[in-house]
Amino acid sequence: GGWLEAILQRMVSEAALERPGQGVA
């Protein structure tokens, strides 16, 4: 189940700051 933690943490870091292409990512 490490995939779940990895995906969600990547989503959290992606959403932490507004950046170009954020919505697509």
mmCIF file of all heavy atoms, coordinates in Angstrom:
data_MODEL
# 
_entry.id   MODEL 
# 
loop_
_atom_site.group_PDB 
_atom_site.id 
_atom_site.type_symbol 
_atom_site.label_atom_id 
_atom_site.label_alt_id 
_atom_site.label_comp_id 
_atom_site.label_asym_id 
_atom_site.label_entity_id 
_atom_site.label_seq_id 
_atom_site.pdbx_PDB_ins_code 
_atom_site.Cartn_x 
_atom_site.Cartn_y 
_atom_site.Cartn_z 
_atom_site.occupancy 
_atom_site.B_iso_or_equiv 
_atom_site.pdbx_formal_charge 
_atom_site.auth_seq_id 
_atom_site.auth_comp_id 
_atom_site.auth_asym_id 
_atom_site.auth_atom_id 
_atom_site.pdbx_PDB_model_num 
ATOM 1   N N   . GLY A 1 1  ? 0.781  -1.232 0.000   1.00 0.00 ? 1  GLY A N   1 
ATOM 2   C CA  . GLY A 1 1  ? 0.000  0.000  0.000   1.00 0.00 ? 1  GLY A CA  1 
ATOM 3   C C   . GLY A 1 1  ? 0.809  1.277  0.000   1.00 0.00 ? 1  GLY A C   1 
ATOM 4   O O   . GLY A 1 1  ? 0.238  2.364  0.176   1.00 0.00 ? 1  GLY A O   1 
ATOM 5   N N   . GLY A 1 2  ? 2.115  1.204  -0.201  1.00 0.00 ? 2  GLY A N   1 
ATOM 6   C CA  . GLY A 1 2  ? 2.914  2.409  -0.233  1.00 0.00 ? 2  GLY A CA  1 
ATOM 7   C C   . GLY A 1 2  ? 2.520  3.361  -1.343  1.00 0.00 ? 2  GLY A C   1 
ATOM 8   O O   . GLY A 1 2  ? 2.752  4.569  -1.248  1.00 0.00 ? 2  GLY A O   1 
ATOM 9   N N   . TRP A 1 3  ? 1.907  2.818  -2.397  1.00 0.00 ? 3  TRP A N   1 
ATOM 10  C CA  . TRP A 1 3  ? 1.480  3.650  -3.520  1.00 0.00 ? 3  TRP A CA  1 
ATOM 11  C C   . TRP A 1 3  ? 0.483  4.712  -3.073  1.00 0.00 ? 3  TRP A C   1 
ATOM 12  O O   . TRP A 1 3  ? 0.492  5.839  -3.587  1.00 0.00 ? 3  TRP A O   1 
ATOM 13  C CB  . TRP A 1 3  ? 0.851  2.787  -4.618  1.00 0.00 ? 3  TRP A CB  1 
ATOM 14  C CG  . TRP A 1 3  ? -0.333 1.989  -4.165  1.00 0.00 ? 3  TRP A CG  1 
ATOM 15  C CD1 . TRP A 1 3  ? -0.347 0.704  -3.713  1.00 0.00 ? 3  TRP A CD1 1 
ATOM 16  C CD2 . TRP A 1 3  ? -1.693 2.430  -4.095  1.00 0.00 ? 3  TRP A CD2 1 
ATOM 17  N NE1 . TRP A 1 3  ? -1.615 0.325  -3.365  1.00 0.00 ? 3  TRP A NE1 1 
ATOM 18  C CE2 . TRP A 1 3  ? -2.473 1.353  -3.594  1.00 0.00 ? 3  TRP A CE2 1 
ATOM 19  C CE3 . TRP A 1 3  ? -2.341 3.623  -4.418  1.00 0.00 ? 3  TRP A CE3 1 
ATOM 20  C CZ2 . TRP A 1 3  ? -3.851 1.444  -3.400  1.00 0.00 ? 3  TRP A CZ2 1 
ATOM 21  C CZ3 . TRP A 1 3  ? -3.723 3.730  -4.222  1.00 0.00 ? 3  TRP A CZ3 1 
ATOM 22  C CH2 . TRP A 1 3  ? -4.455 2.640  -3.720  1.00 0.00 ? 3  TRP A CH2 1 
ATOM 23  N N   . LEU A 1 4  ? -0.395 4.358  -2.130  1.00 0.00 ? 4  LEU A N   1 
ATOM 24  C CA  . LEU A 1 4  ? -1.435 5.285  -1.700  1.00 0.00 ? 4  LEU A CA  1 
ATOM 25  C C   . LEU A 1 4  ? -0.826 6.503  -1.011  1.00 0.00 ? 4  LEU A C   1 
ATOM 26  O O   . LEU A 1 4  ? -1.127 7.653  -1.369  1.00 0.00 ? 4  LEU A O   1 
ATOM 27  C CB  . LEU A 1 4  ? -2.399 4.567  -0.749  1.00 0.00 ? 4  LEU A CB  1 
ATOM 28  C CG  . LEU A 1 4  ? -3.578 5.381  -0.215  1.00 0.00 ? 4  LEU A CG  1 
ATOM 29  C CD1 . LEU A 1 4  ? -4.439 5.881  -1.358  1.00 0.00 ? 4  LEU A CD1 1 
ATOM 30  C CD2 . LEU A 1 4  ? -4.407 4.539  0.741   1.00 0.00 ? 4  LEU A CD2 1 
ATOM 31  N N   . GLU A 1 5  ? 0.041  6.252  -0.057  1.00 0.00 ? 5  GLU A N   1 
ATOM 32  C CA  . GLU A 1 5  ? 0.711  7.352  0.640   1.00 0.00 ? 5  GLU A CA  1 
ATOM 33  C C   . GLU A 1 5  ? 1.515  8.194  -0.332  1.00 0.00 ? 5  GLU A C   1 
ATOM 34  O O   . GLU A 1 5  ? 1.500  9.435  -0.271  1.00 0.00 ? 5  GLU A O   1 
ATOM 35  C CB  . GLU A 1 5  ? 1.619  6.779  1.727   1.00 0.00 ? 5  GLU A CB  1 
ATOM 36  C CG  . GLU A 1 5  ? 2.401  7.822  2.508   1.00 0.00 ? 5  GLU A CG  1 
ATOM 37  C CD  . GLU A 1 5  ? 1.567  8.536  3.557   1.00 0.00 ? 5  GLU A CD  1 
ATOM 38  O OE1 . GLU A 1 5  ? 0.527  7.977  3.966   1.00 0.00 ? 5  GLU A OE1 1 
ATOM 39  O OE2 . GLU A 1 5  ? 1.948  9.647  3.957   1.00 0.00 ? 5  GLU A OE2 1 
ATOM 40  N N   . ALA A 1 6  ? 2.205  7.543  -1.270  1.00 0.00 ? 6  ALA A N   1 
ATOM 41  C CA  . ALA A 1 6  ? 3.054  8.266  -2.221  1.00 0.00 ? 6  ALA A CA  1 
ATOM 42  C C   . ALA A 1 6  ? 2.233  9.179  -3.125  1.00 0.00 ? 6  ALA A C   1 
ATOM 43  O O   . ALA A 1 6  ? 2.597  10.345 -3.346  1.00 0.00 ? 6  ALA A O   1 
ATOM 44  C CB  . ALA A 1 6  ? 3.849  7.271  -3.063  1.00 0.00 ? 6  ALA A CB  1 
ATOM 45  N N   . ILE A 1 7  ? 1.124  8.674  -3.663  1.00 0.00 ? 7  ILE A N   1 
ATOM 46  C CA  . ILE A 1 7  ? 0.289  9.482  -4.553  1.00 0.00 ? 7  ILE A CA  1 
ATOM 47  C C   . ILE A 1 7  ? -0.317 10.654 -3.811  1.00 0.00 ? 7  ILE A C   1 
ATOM 48  O O   . ILE A 1 7  ? -0.297 11.809 -4.287  1.00 0.00 ? 7  ILE A O   1 
ATOM 49  C CB  . ILE A 1 7  ? -0.818 8.627  -5.190  1.00 0.00 ? 7  ILE A CB  1 
ATOM 50  C CG1 . ILE A 1 7  ? -0.220 7.561  -6.107  1.00 0.00 ? 7  ILE A CG1 1 
ATOM 51  C CG2 . ILE A 1 7  ? -1.783 9.512  -5.996  1.00 0.00 ? 7  ILE A CG2 1 
ATOM 52  C CD1 . ILE A 1 7  ? -1.236 6.562  -6.623  1.00 0.00 ? 7  ILE A CD1 1 
ATOM 53  N N   . LEU A 1 8  ? -0.868 10.390 -2.629  1.00 0.00 ? 8  LEU A N   1 
ATOM 54  C CA  . LEU A 1 8  ? -1.532 11.457 -1.882  1.00 0.00 ? 8  LEU A CA  1 
ATOM 55  C C   . LEU A 1 8  ? -0.546 12.530 -1.429  1.00 0.00 ? 8  LEU A C   1 
ATOM 56  O O   . LEU A 1 8  ? -0.845 13.734 -1.489  1.00 0.00 ? 8  LEU A O   1 
ATOM 57  C CB  . LEU A 1 8  ? -2.276 10.867 -0.687  1.00 0.00 ? 8  LEU A CB  1 
ATOM 58  C CG  . LEU A 1 8  ? -3.563 10.127 -1.055  1.00 0.00 ? 8  LEU A CG  1 
ATOM 59  C CD1 . LEU A 1 8  ? -4.035 9.261  0.103   1.00 0.00 ? 8  LEU A CD1 1 
ATOM 60  C CD2 . LEU A 1 8  ? -4.660 11.114 -1.448  1.00 0.00 ? 8  LEU A CD2 1 
ATOM 61  N N   . GLN A 1 9  ? 0.634  12.135 -0.995  1.00 0.00 ? 9  GLN A N   1 
ATOM 62  C CA  . GLN A 1 9  ? 1.622  13.120 -0.579  1.00 0.00 ? 9  GLN A CA  1 
ATOM 63  C C   . GLN A 1 9  ? 2.088  13.957 -1.770  1.00 0.00 ? 9  GLN A C   1 
ATOM 64  O O   . GLN A 1 9  ? 2.348  15.156 -1.635  1.00 0.00 ? 9  GLN A O   1 
ATOM 65  C CB  . GLN A 1 9  ? 2.809  12.442 0.105   1.00 0.00 ? 9  GLN A CB  1 
ATOM 66  C CG  . GLN A 1 9  ? 2.491  11.870 1.471   1.00 0.00 ? 9  GLN A CG  1 
ATOM 67  C CD  . GLN A 1 9  ? 1.941  12.911 2.443   1.00 0.00 ? 9  GLN A CD  1 
ATOM 68  O OE1 . GLN A 1 9  ? 2.321  14.086 2.403   1.00 0.00 ? 9  GLN A OE1 1 
ATOM 69  N NE2 . GLN A 1 9  ? 1.036  12.485 3.317   1.00 0.00 ? 9  GLN A NE2 1 
ATOM 70  N N   . ARG A 1 10 ? 2.169  13.317 -2.940  1.00 0.00 ? 10 ARG A N   1 
ATOM 71  C CA  . ARG A 1 10 ? 2.537  14.091 -4.137  1.00 0.00 ? 10 ARG A CA  1 
ATOM 72  C C   . ARG A 1 10 ? 1.433  15.083 -4.481  1.00 0.00 ? 10 ARG A C   1 
ATOM 73  O O   . ARG A 1 10 ? 1.708  16.216 -4.902  1.00 0.00 ? 10 ARG A O   1 
ATOM 74  C CB  . ARG A 1 10 ? 2.766  13.133 -5.322  1.00 0.00 ? 10 ARG A CB  1 
ATOM 75  C CG  . ARG A 1 10 ? 3.233  13.857 -6.590  1.00 0.00 ? 10 ARG A CG  1 
ATOM 76  C CD  . ARG A 1 10 ? 4.633  14.435 -6.392  1.00 0.00 ? 10 ARG A CD  1 
ATOM 77  N NE  . ARG A 1 10 ? 5.028  15.315 -7.477  1.00 0.00 ? 10 ARG A NE  1 
ATOM 78  C CZ  . ARG A 1 10 ? 4.842  16.621 -7.494  1.00 0.00 ? 10 ARG A CZ  1 
ATOM 79  N NH1 . ARG A 1 10 ? 4.267  17.218 -6.469  1.00 0.00 ? 10 ARG A NH1 1 
ATOM 80  N NH2 . ARG A 1 10 ? 5.251  17.360 -8.499  1.00 0.00 ? 10 ARG A NH2 1 
ATOM 81  N N   . MET A 1 11 ? 0.184  14.674 -4.297  1.00 0.00 ? 11 MET A N   1 
ATOM 82  C CA  . MET A 1 11 ? -0.936 15.583 -4.548  1.00 0.00 ? 11 MET A CA  1 
ATOM 83  C C   . MET A 1 11 ? -0.915 16.754 -3.566  1.00 0.00 ? 11 MET A C   1 
ATOM 84  O O   . MET A 1 11 ? -1.179 17.903 -3.943  1.00 0.00 ? 11 MET A O   1 
ATOM 85  C CB  . MET A 1 11 ? -2.261 14.822 -4.450  1.00 0.00 ? 11 MET A CB  1 
ATOM 86  C CG  . MET A 1 11 ? -2.473 13.799 -5.561  1.00 0.00 ? 11 MET A CG  1 
ATOM 87  S SD  . MET A 1 11 ? -3.979 12.815 -5.358  1.00 0.00 ? 11 MET A SD  1 
ATOM 88  C CE  . MET A 1 11 ? -5.231 14.033 -5.817  1.00 0.00 ? 11 MET A CE  1 
ATOM 89  N N   . VAL A 1 12 ? -0.594 16.468 -2.314  1.00 0.00 ? 12 VAL A N   1 
ATOM 90  C CA  . VAL A 1 12 ? -0.526 17.524 -1.308  1.00 0.00 ? 12 VAL A CA  1 
ATOM 91  C C   . VAL A 1 12 ? 0.562  18.541 -1.661  1.00 0.00 ? 12 VAL A C   1 
ATOM 92  O O   . VAL A 1 12 ? 0.340  19.758 -1.616  1.00 0.00 ? 12 VAL A O   1 
ATOM 93  C CB  . VAL A 1 12 ? -0.274 16.928 0.089   1.00 0.00 ? 12 VAL A CB  1 
ATOM 94  C CG1 . VAL A 1 12 ? 0.096  18.019 1.087   1.00 0.00 ? 12 VAL A CG1 1 
ATOM 95  C CG2 . VAL A 1 12 ? -1.511 16.188 0.575   1.00 0.00 ? 12 VAL A CG2 1 
ATOM 96  N N   . SER A 1 13 ? 1.734  18.061 -2.031  1.00 0.00 ? 13 SER A N   1 
ATOM 97  C CA  . SER A 1 13 ? 2.825  18.971 -2.372  1.00 0.00 ? 13 SER A CA  1 
ATOM 98  C C   . SER A 1 13 ? 2.502  19.756 -3.643  1.00 0.00 ? 13 SER A C   1 
ATOM 99  O O   . SER A 1 13 ? 2.853  20.933 -3.756  1.00 0.00 ? 13 SER A O   1 
ATOM 100 C CB  . SER A 1 13 ? 4.136  18.195 -2.544  1.00 0.00 ? 13 SER A CB  1 
ATOM 101 O OG  . SER A 1 13 ? 4.048  17.266 -3.616  1.00 0.00 ? 13 SER A OG  1 
ATOM 102 N N   . GLU A 1 14 ? 1.813  19.120 -4.592  1.00 0.00 ? 14 GLU A N   1 
ATOM 103 C CA  . GLU A 1 14 ? 1.433  19.810 -5.825  1.00 0.00 ? 14 GLU A CA  1 
ATOM 104 C C   . GLU A 1 14 ? 0.427  20.914 -5.548  1.00 0.00 ? 14 GLU A C   1 
ATOM 105 O O   . GLU A 1 14 ? 0.463  21.988 -6.163  1.00 0.00 ? 14 GLU A O   1 
ATOM 106 C CB  . GLU A 1 14 ? 0.850  18.809 -6.825  1.00 0.00 ? 14 GLU A CB  1 
ATOM 107 C CG  . GLU A 1 14 ? 0.384  19.417 -8.141  1.00 0.00 ? 14 GLU A CG  1 
ATOM 108 C CD  . GLU A 1 14 ? 1.512  20.069 -8.926  1.00 0.00 ? 14 GLU A CD  1 
ATOM 109 O OE1 . GLU A 1 14 ? 2.606  19.486 -8.980  1.00 0.00 ? 14 GLU A OE1 1 
ATOM 110 O OE2 . GLU A 1 14 ? 1.280  21.168 -9.488  1.00 0.00 ? 14 GLU A OE2 1 
ATOM 111 N N   . ALA A 1 15 ? -0.489 20.652 -4.615  1.00 0.00 ? 15 ALA A N   1 
ATOM 112 C CA  . ALA A 1 15 ? -1.551 21.620 -4.333  1.00 0.00 ? 15 ALA A CA  1 
ATOM 113 C C   . ALA A 1 15 ? -1.139 22.680 -3.319  1.00 0.00 ? 15 ALA A C   1 
ATOM 114 O O   . ALA A 1 15 ? -1.878 23.632 -3.076  1.00 0.00 ? 15 ALA A O   1 
ATOM 115 C CB  . ALA A 1 15 ? -2.790 20.885 -3.822  1.00 0.00 ? 15 ALA A CB  1 
ATOM 116 N N   . ALA A 1 16 ? 0.039  22.534 -2.719  1.00 0.00 ? 16 ALA A N   1 
ATOM 117 C CA  . ALA A 1 16 ? 0.445  23.468 -1.671  1.00 0.00 ? 16 ALA A CA  1 
ATOM 118 C C   . ALA A 1 16 ? 0.672  24.880 -2.207  1.00 0.00 ? 16 ALA A C   1 
ATOM 119 O O   . ALA A 1 16 ? 0.424  25.867 -1.512  1.00 0.00 ? 16 ALA A O   1 
ATOM 120 C CB  . ALA A 1 16 ? 1.717  22.958 -0.986  1.00 0.00 ? 16 ALA A CB  1 
ATOM 121 N N   . LEU A 1 17 ? 1.148  24.988 -3.441  1.00 0.00 ? 17 LEU A N   1 
ATOM 122 C CA  . LEU A 1 17 ? 1.407  26.280 -4.052  1.00 0.00 ? 17 LEU A CA  1 
ATOM 123 C C   . LEU A 1 17 ? 0.796  26.327 -5.438  1.00 0.00 ? 17 LEU A C   1 
ATOM 124 O O   . LEU A 1 17 ? 0.822  25.334 -6.176  1.00 0.00 ? 17 LEU A O   1 
ATOM 125 C CB  . LEU A 1 17 ? 2.914  26.540 -4.157  1.00 0.00 ? 17 LEU A CB  1 
ATOM 126 C CG  . LEU A 1 17 ? 3.694  26.643 -2.829  1.00 0.00 ? 17 LEU A CG  1 
ATOM 127 C CD1 . LEU A 1 17 ? 5.191  26.705 -3.111  1.00 0.00 ? 17 LEU A CD1 1 
ATOM 128 C CD2 . LEU A 1 17 ? 3.252  27.872 -2.048  1.00 0.00 ? 17 LEU A CD2 1 
ATOM 129 N N   . GLU A 1 18 ? 0.244  27.461 -5.795  1.00 0.00 ? 18 GLU A N   1 
ATOM 130 C CA  . GLU A 1 18 ? -0.351 27.612 -7.123  1.00 0.00 ? 18 GLU A CA  1 
ATOM 131 C C   . GLU A 1 18 ? 0.753  27.768 -8.157  1.00 0.00 ? 18 GLU A C   1 
ATOM 132 O O   . GLU A 1 18 ? 1.582  28.677 -8.072  1.00 0.00 ? 18 GLU A O   1 
ATOM 133 C CB  . GLU A 1 18 ? -1.281 28.825 -7.154  1.00 0.00 ? 18 GLU A CB  1 
ATOM 134 C CG  . GLU A 1 18 ? -2.093 28.929 -8.435  1.00 0.00 ? 18 GLU A CG  1 
ATOM 135 C CD  . GLU A 1 18 ? -3.154 29.998 -8.355  1.00 0.00 ? 18 GLU A CD  1 
ATOM 136 O OE1 . GLU A 1 18 ? -3.160 30.755 -7.367  1.00 0.00 ? 18 GLU A OE1 1 
ATOM 137 O OE2 . GLU A 1 18 ? -3.975 30.073 -9.284  1.00 0.00 ? 18 GLU A OE2 1 
ATOM 138 N N   . ARG A 1 19 ? 0.774  26.849 -9.126  1.00 0.00 ? 19 ARG A N   1 
ATOM 139 C CA  . ARG A 1 19 ? 1.816  26.864 -10.144 1.00 0.00 ? 19 ARG A CA  1 
ATOM 140 C C   . ARG A 1 19 ? 1.209  26.590 -11.514 1.00 0.00 ? 19 ARG A C   1 
ATOM 141 O O   . ARG A 1 19 ? 0.110  26.018 -11.611 1.00 0.00 ? 19 ARG A O   1 
ATOM 142 C CB  . ARG A 1 19 ? 2.868  25.799 -9.835  1.00 0.00 ? 19 ARG A CB  1 
ATOM 143 C CG  . ARG A 1 19 ? 3.636  26.029 -8.552  1.00 0.00 ? 19 ARG A CG  1 
ATOM 144 C CD  . ARG A 1 19 ? 4.713  24.978 -8.368  1.00 0.00 ? 19 ARG A CD  1 
ATOM 145 N NE  . ARG A 1 19 ? 4.146  23.654 -8.104  1.00 0.00 ? 19 ARG A NE  1 
ATOM 146 C CZ  . ARG A 1 19 ? 4.885  22.565 -7.986  1.00 0.00 ? 19 ARG A CZ  1 
ATOM 147 N NH1 . ARG A 1 19 ? 6.195  22.621 -8.160  1.00 0.00 ? 19 ARG A NH1 1 
ATOM 148 N NH2 . ARG A 1 19 ? 4.320  21.405 -7.719  1.00 0.00 ? 19 ARG A NH2 1 
ATOM 149 N N   . PRO A 1 20 ? 1.893  26.955 -12.605 1.00 0.00 ? 20 PRO A N   1 
ATOM 150 C CA  . PRO A 1 20 ? 1.374  26.660 -13.946 1.00 0.00 ? 20 PRO A CA  1 
ATOM 151 C C   . PRO A 1 20 ? 1.169  25.166 -14.136 1.00 0.00 ? 20 PRO A C   1 
ATOM 152 O O   . PRO A 1 20 ? 2.017  24.354 -13.731 1.00 0.00 ? 20 PRO A O   1 
ATOM 153 C CB  . PRO A 1 20 ? 2.481  27.194 -14.872 1.00 0.00 ? 20 PRO A CB  1 
ATOM 154 C CG  . PRO A 1 20 ? 3.177  28.248 -14.078 1.00 0.00 ? 20 PRO A CG  1 
ATOM 155 C CD  . PRO A 1 20 ? 3.141  27.756 -12.650 1.00 0.00 ? 20 PRO A CD  1 
ATOM 156 N N   . GLY A 1 21 ? 0.057  24.787 -14.736 1.00 0.00 ? 21 GLY A N   1 
ATOM 157 C CA  . GLY A 1 21 ? -0.226 23.387 -14.993 1.00 0.00 ? 21 GLY A CA  1 
ATOM 158 C C   . GLY A 1 21 ? -0.698 22.613 -13.785 1.00 0.00 ? 21 GLY A C   1 
ATOM 159 O O   . GLY A 1 21 ? -0.838 21.383 -13.841 1.00 0.00 ? 21 GLY A O   1 
ATOM 160 N N   . GLN A 1 22 ? -0.987 23.300 -12.700 1.00 0.00 ? 22 GLN A N   1 
ATOM 161 C CA  . GLN A 1 22 ? -1.372 22.620 -11.463 1.00 0.00 ? 22 GLN A CA  1 
ATOM 162 C C   . GLN A 1 22 ? -2.641 21.795 -11.641 1.00 0.00 ? 22 GLN A C   1 
ATOM 163 O O   . GLN A 1 22 ? -2.731 20.656 -11.188 1.00 0.00 ? 22 GLN A O   1 
ATOM 164 C CB  . GLN A 1 22 ? -1.584 23.648 -10.347 1.00 0.00 ? 22 GLN A CB  1 
ATOM 165 C CG  . GLN A 1 22 ? -1.964 23.035 -9.012  1.00 0.00 ? 22 GLN A CG  1 
ATOM 166 C CD  . GLN A 1 22 ? -2.321 24.103 -7.989  1.00 0.00 ? 22 GLN A CD  1 
ATOM 167 O OE1 . GLN A 1 22 ? -3.282 24.837 -8.165  1.00 0.00 ? 22 GLN A OE1 1 
ATOM 168 N NE2 . GLN A 1 22 ? -1.525 24.188 -6.925  1.00 0.00 ? 22 GLN A NE2 1 
ATOM 169 N N   . GLY A 1 23 ? -3.641 22.366 -12.324 1.00 0.00 ? 23 GLY A N   1 
ATOM 170 C CA  . GLY A 1 23 ? -4.908 21.662 -12.511 1.00 0.00 ? 23 GLY A CA  1 
ATOM 171 C C   . GLY A 1 23 ? -4.731 20.356 -13.263 1.00 0.00 ? 23 GLY A C   1 
ATOM 172 O O   . GLY A 1 23 ? -5.307 19.324 -12.902 1.00 0.00 ? 23 GLY A O   1 
ATOM 173 N N   . VAL A 1 24 ? -3.901 20.382 -14.308 1.00 0.00 ? 24 VAL A N   1 
ATOM 174 C CA  . VAL A 1 24 ? -3.661 19.181 -15.106 1.00 0.00 ? 24 VAL A CA  1 
ATOM 175 C C   . VAL A 1 24 ? -2.916 18.145 -14.283 1.00 0.00 ? 24 VAL A C   1 
ATOM 176 O O   . VAL A 1 24 ? -3.246 16.948 -14.301 1.00 0.00 ? 24 VAL A O   1 
ATOM 177 C CB  . VAL A 1 24 ? -2.860 19.528 -16.378 1.00 0.00 ? 24 VAL A CB  1 
ATOM 178 C CG1 . VAL A 1 24 ? -2.488 18.256 -17.137 1.00 0.00 ? 24 VAL A CG1 1 
ATOM 179 C CG2 . VAL A 1 24 ? -3.677 20.446 -17.283 1.00 0.00 ? 24 VAL A CG2 1 
ATOM 180 N N   . ALA A 1 25 ? -1.913 18.586 -13.540 1.00 0.00 ? 25 ALA A N   1 
ATOM 181 C CA  . ALA A 1 25 ? -1.126 17.655 -12.724 1.00 0.00 ? 25 ALA A CA  1 
ATOM 182 C C   . ALA A 1 25 ? -2.000 16.969 -11.680 1.00 0.00 ? 25 ALA A C   1 
ATOM 183 O O   . ALA A 1 25 ? -1.929 15.749 -11.502 1.00 0.00 ? 25 ALA A O   1 
ATOM 184 C CB  . ALA A 1 25 ? 0.027  18.399 -12.048 1.00 0.00 ? 25 ALA A CB  1 
# 
